[in-house]
C-alpha atoms as a PDB file:
ATOM      1  CA  UNK A   1     139.764 -60.907 -76.045  1.00  0.00           C
ATOM      2  CA  UNK A   2     141.969 -63.943 -75.498  1.00  0.00           C
ATOM      3  CA  UNK A   3     141.195 -66.211 -72.566  1.00  0.00           C
ATOM      4  CA  UNK A   4     143.411 -65.639 -69.498  1.00  0.00           C
ATOM      5  CA  UNK A   5     143.968 -69.406 -69.541  1.00  0.00           C
ATOM      6  CA  UNK A   6     146.224 -68.956 -72.579  1.00  0.00           C
ATOM      7  CA  UNK A   7     148.873 -67.267 -70.427  1.00  0.00           C
ATOM      8  CA  UNK A   8     148.680 -69.785 -67.553  1.00  0.00           C
ATOM      9  CA  UNK A   9     152.199 -71.090 -66.891  1.00  0.00           C
ATOM     10  CA  UNK A  10     151.042 -74.608 -65.914  1.00  0.00           C
ATOM     11  CA  UNK A  11     148.464 -75.057 -68.676  1.00  0.00           C
ATOM     12  CA  UNK A  12     150.461 -77.614 -70.644  1.00  0.00           C
ATOM     13  CA  UNK A  13     150.549 -80.028 -67.689  1.00  0.00           C
ATOM     14  CA  UNK A  14     146.984 -79.316 -66.537  1.00  0.00           C
ATOM     15  CA  UNK A  15     143.700 -80.765 -67.760  1.00  0.00           C
ATOM     16  CA  UNK A  16     143.071 -77.685 -69.903  1.00  0.00           C
ATOM     17  CA  UNK A  17     146.254 -78.377 -71.852  1.00  0.00           C
ATOM     18  CA  UNK A  18     144.168 -80.644 -74.066  1.00  0.00           C
ATOM     19  CA  UNK A  19     142.212 -77.689 -75.443  1.00  0.00           C
ATOM     20  CA  UNK A  20     143.034 -75.543 -78.439  1.00  0.00           C
ATOM     21  CA  UNK A  21     143.442 -71.790 -77.800  1.00  0.00           C
ATOM     22  CA  UNK A  22     140.097 -71.053 -79.454  1.00  0.00           C
ATOM     23  CA  UNK A  23     138.357 -73.511 -77.087  1.00  0.00           C
ATOM     24  CA  UNK A  24     139.787 -71.930 -73.965  1.00  0.00           C
ATOM     25  CA  UNK A  25     137.439 -68.932 -74.054  1.00  0.00           C
ATOM     26  CA  UNK A  26     134.397 -71.106 -73.385  1.00  0.00           C
ATOM     27  CA  UNK A  27     136.339 -73.243 -70.931  1.00  0.00           C
ATOM     28  CA  UNK A  28     137.527 -70.226 -68.941  1.00  0.00           C
ATOM     29  CA  UNK A  29     133.942 -68.953 -68.643  1.00  0.00           C
ATOM     30  CA  UNK A  30     133.212 -71.653 -66.030  1.00  0.00           C
ATOM     31  CA  UNK A  31     136.455 -71.174 -64.070  1.00  0.00           C
ATOM     32  CA  UNK A  32     136.800 -69.333 -60.768  1.00  0.00           C
ATOM     33  CA  UNK A  33     140.229 -68.704 -59.237  1.00  0.00           C
ATOM     34  CA  UNK A  34     140.400 -69.490 -55.533  1.00  0.00           C
ATOM     35  CA  UNK A  35     143.080 -69.548 -52.844  1.00  0.00           C
ATOM     36  CA  UNK A  36     143.423 -71.545 -49.632  1.00  0.00           C
ATOM     37  CA  UNK A  37     145.764 -70.727 -46.786  1.00  0.00           C
ATOM     38  CA  UNK A  38     148.119 -73.342 -45.330  1.00  0.00           C
ATOM     39  CA  UNK A  39     146.119 -75.563 -42.982  1.00  0.00           C
ATOM     40  CA  UNK A  40     142.782 -74.792 -44.625  1.00  0.00           C
ATOM     41  CA  UNK A  41     140.515 -77.651 -45.765  1.00  0.00           C
ATOM     42  CA  UNK A  42     139.422 -77.590 -49.394  1.00  0.00           C
ATOM     43  CA  UNK A  43     136.797 -80.284 -48.836  1.00  0.00           C
ATOM     44  CA  UNK A  44     136.127 -83.141 -46.437  1.00  0.00           C
ATOM     45  CA  UNK A  45     135.702 -86.831 -47.148  1.00  0.00           C
ATOM     46  CA  UNK A  46     131.981 -87.441 -47.650  1.00  0.00           C
ATOM     47  CA  UNK A  47     131.152 -83.869 -48.732  1.00  0.00           C
ATOM     48  CA  UNK A  48     128.983 -83.523 -51.814  1.00  0.00           C
ATOM     49  CA  UNK A  49     131.299 -83.470 -54.837  1.00  0.00           C
ATOM     50  CA  UNK A  50     130.005 -80.158 -56.135  1.00  0.00           C
ATOM     51  CA  UNK A  51     133.267 -78.821 -57.575  1.00  0.00           C
ATOM     52  CA  UNK A  52     136.410 -79.924 -59.385  1.00  0.00           C
ATOM     53  CA  UNK A  53     139.752 -78.218 -58.969  1.00  0.00           C
ATOM     54  CA  UNK A  54     142.949 -77.769 -60.907  1.00  0.00           C
ATOM     55  CA  UNK A  55     145.881 -77.003 -58.604  1.00  0.00           C
ATOM     56  CA  UNK A  56     147.879 -74.058 -59.968  1.00  0.00           C
ATOM     57  CA  UNK A  57     150.222 -73.498 -57.013  1.00  0.00           C
ATOM     58  CA  UNK A  58     151.192 -74.957 -53.653  1.00  0.00           C
ATOM     59  CA  UNK A  59     150.765 -78.457 -52.218  1.00  0.00           C
ATOM     60  CA  UNK A  60     147.583 -80.313 -51.258  1.00  0.00           C
ATOM     61  CA  UNK A  61     147.429 -83.306 -48.908  1.00  0.00           C
ATOM     62  CA  UNK A  62     144.868 -86.059 -49.561  1.00  0.00           C
ATOM     63  CA  UNK A  63     143.816 -88.262 -46.662  1.00  0.00           C
ATOM     64  CA  UNK A  64     141.195 -90.670 -45.370  1.00  0.00           C
ATOM     65  CA  UNK A  65     140.099 -91.241 -41.792  1.00  0.00           C
ATOM     66  CA  UNK A  66     140.295 -94.911 -40.766  1.00  0.00           C
ATOM     67  CA  UNK A  67     137.566 -96.495 -38.589  1.00  0.00           C
ATOM     68  CA  UNK A  68     139.879 -96.473 -35.541  1.00  0.00           C
ATOM     69  CA  UNK A  69     140.482 -92.731 -35.893  1.00  0.00           C
ATOM     70  CA  UNK A  70     143.902 -92.925 -37.515  1.00  0.00           C
ATOM     71  CA  UNK A  71     144.714 -90.922 -40.628  1.00  0.00           C
ATOM     72  CA  UNK A  72     145.985 -92.437 -43.852  1.00  0.00           C
ATOM     73  CA  UNK A  73     147.572 -89.947 -46.240  1.00  0.00           C
ATOM     74  CA  UNK A  74     146.884 -91.167 -49.759  1.00  0.00           C
ATOM     75  CA  UNK A  75     148.952 -88.639 -51.675  1.00  0.00           C
ATOM     76  CA  UNK A  76     150.053 -85.084 -52.355  1.00  0.00           C
ATOM     77  CA  UNK A  77     149.078 -82.841 -55.254  1.00  0.00           C
ATOM     78  CA  UNK A  78     151.083 -80.050 -56.857  1.00  0.00           C
ATOM     79  CA  UNK A  79     150.643 -77.467 -59.619  1.00  0.00           C
ATOM     80  CA  UNK A  80     149.062 -79.078 -62.669  1.00  0.00           C
ATOM     81  CA  UNK A  81     147.282 -81.842 -60.739  1.00  0.00           C
ATOM     82  CA  UNK A  82     143.513 -82.312 -60.931  1.00  0.00           C
ATOM     83  CA  UNK A  83     141.474 -82.636 -57.759  1.00  0.00           C
ATOM     84  CA  UNK A  84     137.973 -83.826 -56.889  1.00  0.00           C
ATOM     85  CA  UNK A  85     137.271 -86.211 -59.755  1.00  0.00           C
ATOM     86  CA  UNK A  86     134.524 -88.464 -58.361  1.00  0.00           C
ATOM     87  CA  UNK A  87     132.311 -91.090 -59.945  1.00  0.00           C
ATOM     88  CA  UNK A  88     129.811 -90.863 -57.086  1.00  0.00           C
ATOM     89  CA  UNK A  89     128.162 -87.847 -55.507  1.00  0.00           C
ATOM     90  CA  UNK A  90     130.619 -87.426 -52.645  1.00  0.00           C
ATOM     91  CA  UNK A  91     134.368 -86.968 -52.260  1.00  0.00           C
ATOM     92  CA  UNK A  92     136.280 -90.127 -51.296  1.00  0.00           C
ATOM     93  CA  UNK A  93     138.959 -88.284 -49.306  1.00  0.00           C
ATOM     94  CA  UNK A  94     139.748 -85.045 -47.491  1.00  0.00           C
ATOM     95  CA  UNK A  95     141.851 -82.424 -49.294  1.00  0.00           C
ATOM     96  CA  UNK A  96     143.845 -79.923 -47.235  1.00  0.00           C
ATOM     97  CA  UNK A  97     146.294 -77.173 -48.150  1.00  0.00           C
ATOM     98  CA  UNK A  98     149.657 -77.802 -46.478  1.00  0.00           C
ATOM     99  CA  UNK A  99     151.088 -74.637 -48.017  1.00  0.00           C
ATOM    100  CA  UNK A 100     149.230 -71.670 -49.440  1.00  0.00           C
ATOM    101  CA  UNK A 101     147.409 -73.147 -52.433  1.00  0.00           C
ATOM    102  CA  UNK A 102     145.934 -71.664 -55.592  1.00  0.00           C
ATOM    103  CA  UNK A 103     143.331 -73.514 -57.643  1.00  0.00           C
ATOM    104  CA  UNK A 104     141.008 -73.100 -60.581  1.00  0.00           C
ATOM    105  CA  UNK A 105     137.534 -74.187 -59.441  1.00  0.00           C
ATOM    106  CA  UNK A 106     135.025 -75.740 -61.853  1.00  0.00           C
ATOM    107  CA  UNK A 107     131.386 -76.423 -60.929  1.00  0.00           C
ATOM    108  CA  UNK A 108     131.027 -80.142 -61.521  1.00  0.00           C
ATOM    109  CA  UNK A 109     127.842 -79.989 -63.623  1.00  0.00           C
ATOM    110  CA  UNK A 110     129.136 -77.277 -65.939  1.00  0.00           C
ATOM    111  CA  UNK A 111     132.475 -79.067 -66.327  1.00  0.00           C
ATOM    112  CA  UNK A 112     130.801 -82.353 -67.231  1.00  0.00           C
ATOM    113  CA  UNK A 113     128.639 -80.560 -69.796  1.00  0.00           C
ATOM    114  CA  UNK A 114     131.800 -79.506 -71.648  1.00  0.00           C
ATOM    115  CA  UNK A 115     133.010 -83.080 -72.066  1.00  0.00           C
ATOM    116  CA  UNK A 116     130.505 -83.824 -74.836  1.00  0.00           C
ATOM    117  CA  UNK A 117     131.741 -80.842 -76.832  1.00  0.00           C
ATOM    118  CA  UNK A 118     135.443 -81.238 -76.046  1.00  0.00           C
ATOM    119  CA  UNK A 119     136.395 -84.946 -76.474  1.00  0.00           C
ATOM    120  CA  UNK A 120     140.086 -84.072 -76.053  1.00  0.00           C
ATOM    121  CA  UNK A 121     139.269 -82.886 -72.530  1.00  0.00           C
ATOM    122  CA  UNK A 122     137.618 -86.199 -71.710  1.00  0.00           C
ATOM    123  CA  UNK A 123     140.637 -88.063 -73.105  1.00  0.00           C
ATOM    124  CA  UNK A 124     142.985 -85.992 -70.920  1.00  0.00           C
ATOM    125  CA  UNK A 125     140.845 -86.805 -67.856  1.00  0.00           C
ATOM    126  CA  UNK A 126     141.000 -90.509 -68.706  1.00  0.00           C
ATOM    127  CA  UNK A 127     144.782 -90.283 -68.847  1.00  0.00           C
ATOM    128  CA  UNK A 128     144.872 -88.567 -65.471  1.00  0.00           C
ATOM    129  CA  UNK A 129     142.596 -91.238 -63.998  1.00  0.00           C
ATOM    130  CA  UNK A 130     144.927 -93.927 -65.353  1.00  0.00           C
ATOM    131  CA  UNK A 131     147.880 -92.210 -63.700  1.00  0.00           C
ATOM    132  CA  UNK A 132     145.951 -92.082 -60.409  1.00  0.00           C
ATOM    133  CA  UNK A 133     145.304 -95.832 -60.674  1.00  0.00           C
ATOM    134  CA  UNK A 134     149.006 -96.531 -61.264  1.00  0.00           C
ATOM    135  CA  UNK A 135     149.892 -94.334 -58.275  1.00  0.00           C
ATOM    136  CA  UNK A 136     147.386 -96.238 -56.130  1.00  0.00           C
ATOM    137  CA  UNK A 137     148.973 -99.548 -57.141  1.00  0.00           C
ATOM    138  CA  UNK A 138     152.415 -98.190 -56.227  1.00  0.00           C
ATOM    139  CA  UNK A 139     151.009 -97.070 -52.873  1.00  0.00           C
ATOM    140  CA  UNK A 140     149.732-100.590 -52.133  1.00  0.00           C
ATOM    141  CA  UNK A 141     153.213-101.991 -52.780  1.00  0.00           C
ATOM    142  CA  UNK A 142     154.771 -99.243 -50.687  1.00  0.00           C
ATOM    143  CA  UNK A 143     152.537 -99.949 -47.698  1.00  0.00           C
ATOM    144  CA  UNK A 144     152.639-103.712 -47.802  1.00  0.00           C
ATOM    145  CA  UNK A 145     155.931-105.093 -49.026  1.00  0.00           C
ATOM    146  CA  UNK A 146     158.788-102.697 -48.289  1.00  0.00           C
ATOM    147  CA  UNK A 147     161.051-102.033 -45.311  1.00  0.00           C
ATOM    148  CA  UNK A 148     161.208 -98.614 -43.643  1.00  0.00           C
ATOM    149  CA  UNK A 149     164.289 -97.566 -45.630  1.00  0.00           C
ATOM    150  CA  UNK A 150     162.758 -98.819 -48.872  1.00  0.00           C
ATOM    151  CA  UNK A 151     159.531 -96.940 -48.138  1.00  0.00           C
ATOM    152  CA  UNK A 152     161.241 -93.628 -47.459  1.00  0.00           C
ATOM    153  CA  UNK A 153     163.559 -94.038 -50.477  1.00  0.00           C
ATOM    154  CA  UNK A 154     160.552 -94.772 -52.702  1.00  0.00           C
ATOM    155  CA  UNK A 155     158.690 -91.781 -51.326  1.00  0.00           C
ATOM    156  CA  UNK A 156     161.601 -89.427 -52.028  1.00  0.00           C
ATOM    157  CA  UNK A 157     162.111 -90.777 -55.542  1.00  0.00           C
ATOM    158  CA  UNK A 158     158.412 -90.546 -56.380  1.00  0.00           C
ATOM    159  CA  UNK A 159     158.383 -86.966 -55.181  1.00  0.00           C
ATOM    160  CA  UNK A 160     161.511 -86.247 -57.231  1.00  0.00           C
ATOM    161  CA  UNK A 161     159.691 -87.453 -60.356  1.00  0.00           C
ATOM    162  CA  UNK A 162     156.884 -85.026 -59.582  1.00  0.00           C
ATOM    163  CA  UNK A 163     159.364 -82.164 -59.209  1.00  0.00           C
ATOM    164  CA  UNK A 164     161.643 -83.151 -62.088  1.00  0.00           C
ATOM    165  CA  UNK A 165     160.794 -80.050 -64.123  1.00  0.00           C
ATOM    166  CA  UNK A 166     161.857 -77.677 -61.333  1.00  0.00           C
ATOM    167  CA  UNK A 167     164.568 -79.585 -59.414  1.00  0.00           C
ATOM    168  CA  UNK A 168     168.087 -78.150 -59.477  1.00  0.00           C
ATOM    169  CA  UNK A 169     171.157 -80.163 -58.410  1.00  0.00           C
ATOM    170  CA  UNK A 170     168.946 -83.008 -57.097  1.00  0.00           C
ATOM    171  CA  UNK A 171     167.577 -80.689 -54.391  1.00  0.00           C
ATOM    172  CA  UNK A 172     164.129 -81.939 -53.386  1.00  0.00           C
ATOM    173  CA  UNK A 173     161.556 -79.696 -51.734  1.00  0.00           C
ATOM    174  CA  UNK A 174     159.489 -81.367 -48.986  1.00  0.00           C
ATOM    175  CA  UNK A 175     156.538 -79.118 -48.116  1.00  0.00           C
ATOM    176  CA  UNK A 176     154.998 -81.844 -45.969  1.00  0.00           C
ATOM    177  CA  UNK A 177     155.929 -82.713 -42.359  1.00  0.00           C
ATOM    178  CA  UNK A 178     157.574 -85.933 -41.196  1.00  0.00           C
ATOM    179  CA  UNK A 179     154.185 -86.867 -39.727  1.00  0.00           C
ATOM    180  CA  UNK A 180     152.589 -86.447 -43.166  1.00  0.00           C
ATOM    181  CA  UNK A 181     155.241 -88.700 -44.686  1.00  0.00           C
ATOM    182  CA  UNK A 182     154.731 -91.279 -41.927  1.00  0.00           C
ATOM    183  CA  UNK A 183     150.973 -91.384 -42.522  1.00  0.00           C
ATOM    184  CA  UNK A 184     151.619 -91.774 -46.246  1.00  0.00           C
ATOM    185  CA  UNK A 185     154.109 -94.655 -46.093  1.00  0.00           C
ATOM    186  CA  UNK A 186     152.636 -96.523 -43.125  1.00  0.00           C
ATOM    187  CA  UNK A 187     155.314 -95.798 -40.510  1.00  0.00           C
ATOM    188  CA  UNK A 188     155.485 -93.848 -37.252  1.00  0.00           C
ATOM    189  CA  UNK A 189     156.850 -90.315 -37.264  1.00  0.00           C
ATOM    190  CA  UNK A 190     159.766 -91.484 -35.124  1.00  0.00           C
ATOM    191  CA  UNK A 191     160.654 -94.233 -37.606  1.00  0.00           C
ATOM    192  CA  UNK A 192     160.585 -91.792 -40.500  1.00  0.00           C
ATOM    193  CA  UNK A 193     162.898 -89.416 -38.626  1.00  0.00           C
ATOM    194  CA  UNK A 194     165.306 -92.250 -37.775  1.00  0.00           C
ATOM    195  CA  UNK A 195     165.256 -93.426 -41.384  1.00  0.00           C
ATOM    196  CA  UNK A 196     166.134 -89.948 -42.639  1.00  0.00           C
ATOM    197  CA  UNK A 197     169.067 -90.003 -40.216  1.00  0.00           C
ATOM    198  CA  UNK A 198     170.220 -93.423 -41.487  1.00  0.00           C
ATOM    199  CA  UNK A 199     170.011 -92.337 -45.123  1.00  0.00           C
ATOM    200  CA  UNK A 200     172.025 -89.243 -44.213  1.00  0.00           C
ATOM    201  CA  UNK A 201     174.688 -91.315 -42.441  1.00  0.00           C
ATOM    202  CA  UNK A 202     174.907 -93.577 -45.490  1.00  0.00           C
ATOM    203  CA  UNK A 203     175.331 -90.470 -47.682  1.00  0.00           C
ATOM    204  CA  UNK A 204     172.283 -91.246 -49.776  1.00  0.00           C
ATOM    205  CA  UNK A 205     170.718 -87.904 -48.853  1.00  0.00           C
ATOM    206  CA  UNK A 206     171.827 -84.612 -47.319  1.00  0.00           C
ATOM    207  CA  UNK A 207     169.384 -82.693 -45.141  1.00  0.00           C
ATOM    208  CA  UNK A 208     169.786 -79.046 -46.088  1.00  0.00           C
ATOM    209  CA  UNK A 209     166.787 -77.885 -44.038  1.00  0.00           C
ATOM    210  CA  UNK A 210     163.769 -79.758 -42.616  1.00  0.00           C
ATOM    211  CA  UNK A 211     162.045 -79.096 -45.948  1.00  0.00           C
ATOM    212  CA  UNK A 212     164.965 -79.463 -48.372  1.00  0.00           C
ATOM    213  CA  UNK A 213     166.761 -82.732 -49.095  1.00  0.00           C
ATOM    214  CA  UNK A 214     169.576 -83.238 -51.565  1.00  0.00           C
ATOM    215  CA  UNK A 215     169.486 -86.683 -53.183  1.00  0.00           C
ATOM    216  CA  UNK A 216     173.247 -87.226 -53.061  1.00  0.00           C
ATOM    217  CA  UNK A 217     173.210 -90.968 -53.693  1.00  0.00           C
ATOM    218  CA  UNK A 218     170.606 -91.111 -56.416  1.00  0.00           C
ATOM    219  CA  UNK A 219     171.690 -94.427 -57.938  1.00  0.00           C
ATOM    220  CA  UNK A 220     171.831 -96.148 -54.554  1.00  0.00           C
ATOM    221  CA  UNK A 221     168.405 -94.740 -53.672  1.00  0.00           C
ATOM    222  CA  UNK A 222     166.989 -96.301 -56.841  1.00  0.00           C
ATOM    223  CA  UNK A 223     168.598 -99.638 -55.934  1.00  0.00           C
ATOM    224  CA  UNK A 224     167.221 -99.432 -52.405  1.00  0.00           C
ATOM    225  CA  UNK A 225     163.728 -98.634 -53.616  1.00  0.00           C
ATOM    226  CA  UNK A 226     163.816-101.379 -56.242  1.00  0.00           C
ATOM    227  CA  UNK A 227     163.314 -98.788 -58.969  1.00  0.00           C
ATOM    228  CA  UNK A 228     165.486 -99.657 -61.940  1.00  0.00           C
ATOM    229  CA  UNK A 229     164.010 -97.268 -64.492  1.00  0.00           C
END
């Protein structure tokens, strides 16, 4: 019987996309499907890194708690993203479902045991880790060197890249709150809200709903963010 992973509609963008169909049967034998409701914690920062996850639906918020009690959002994950990769025995951040989320769960030990037999899987993980490093470098620039408008423009454009396969008419879906965005880009919630208003007045974006934004001035947004690619 063919592995159910063969029919997965996000397999090509997920870690398992590196495997040949005949390898998926063994791979799927260690997988458990799991769901989390919006607001539910998948794991906390400092928990033992017992499992790895592949997000197959919904949006996950990653965050760290600063020594003074403030929260720093370090990123958001969507379908196809890999979660929980740790080089120590504990998770470095907290992962929470901000919408209903579906994942494939892999016990860490059993997953690592497959890497010796499936070198393509290890290569795919290395590529994902490299992408995470590049995203972290972009986040440092975002937090340290940009104005409020530049930060929000960069955030929207980065999210648009993540949704490029599903976006229609430059309509961007924002599952996160303004507070989530503020904690991601290093601003207050009030400043983020005011910046959305300014970008709307300048006709760079159109707010369709609190969670839907049309990128009406795409070229100008790229100029504002300093993104010329």
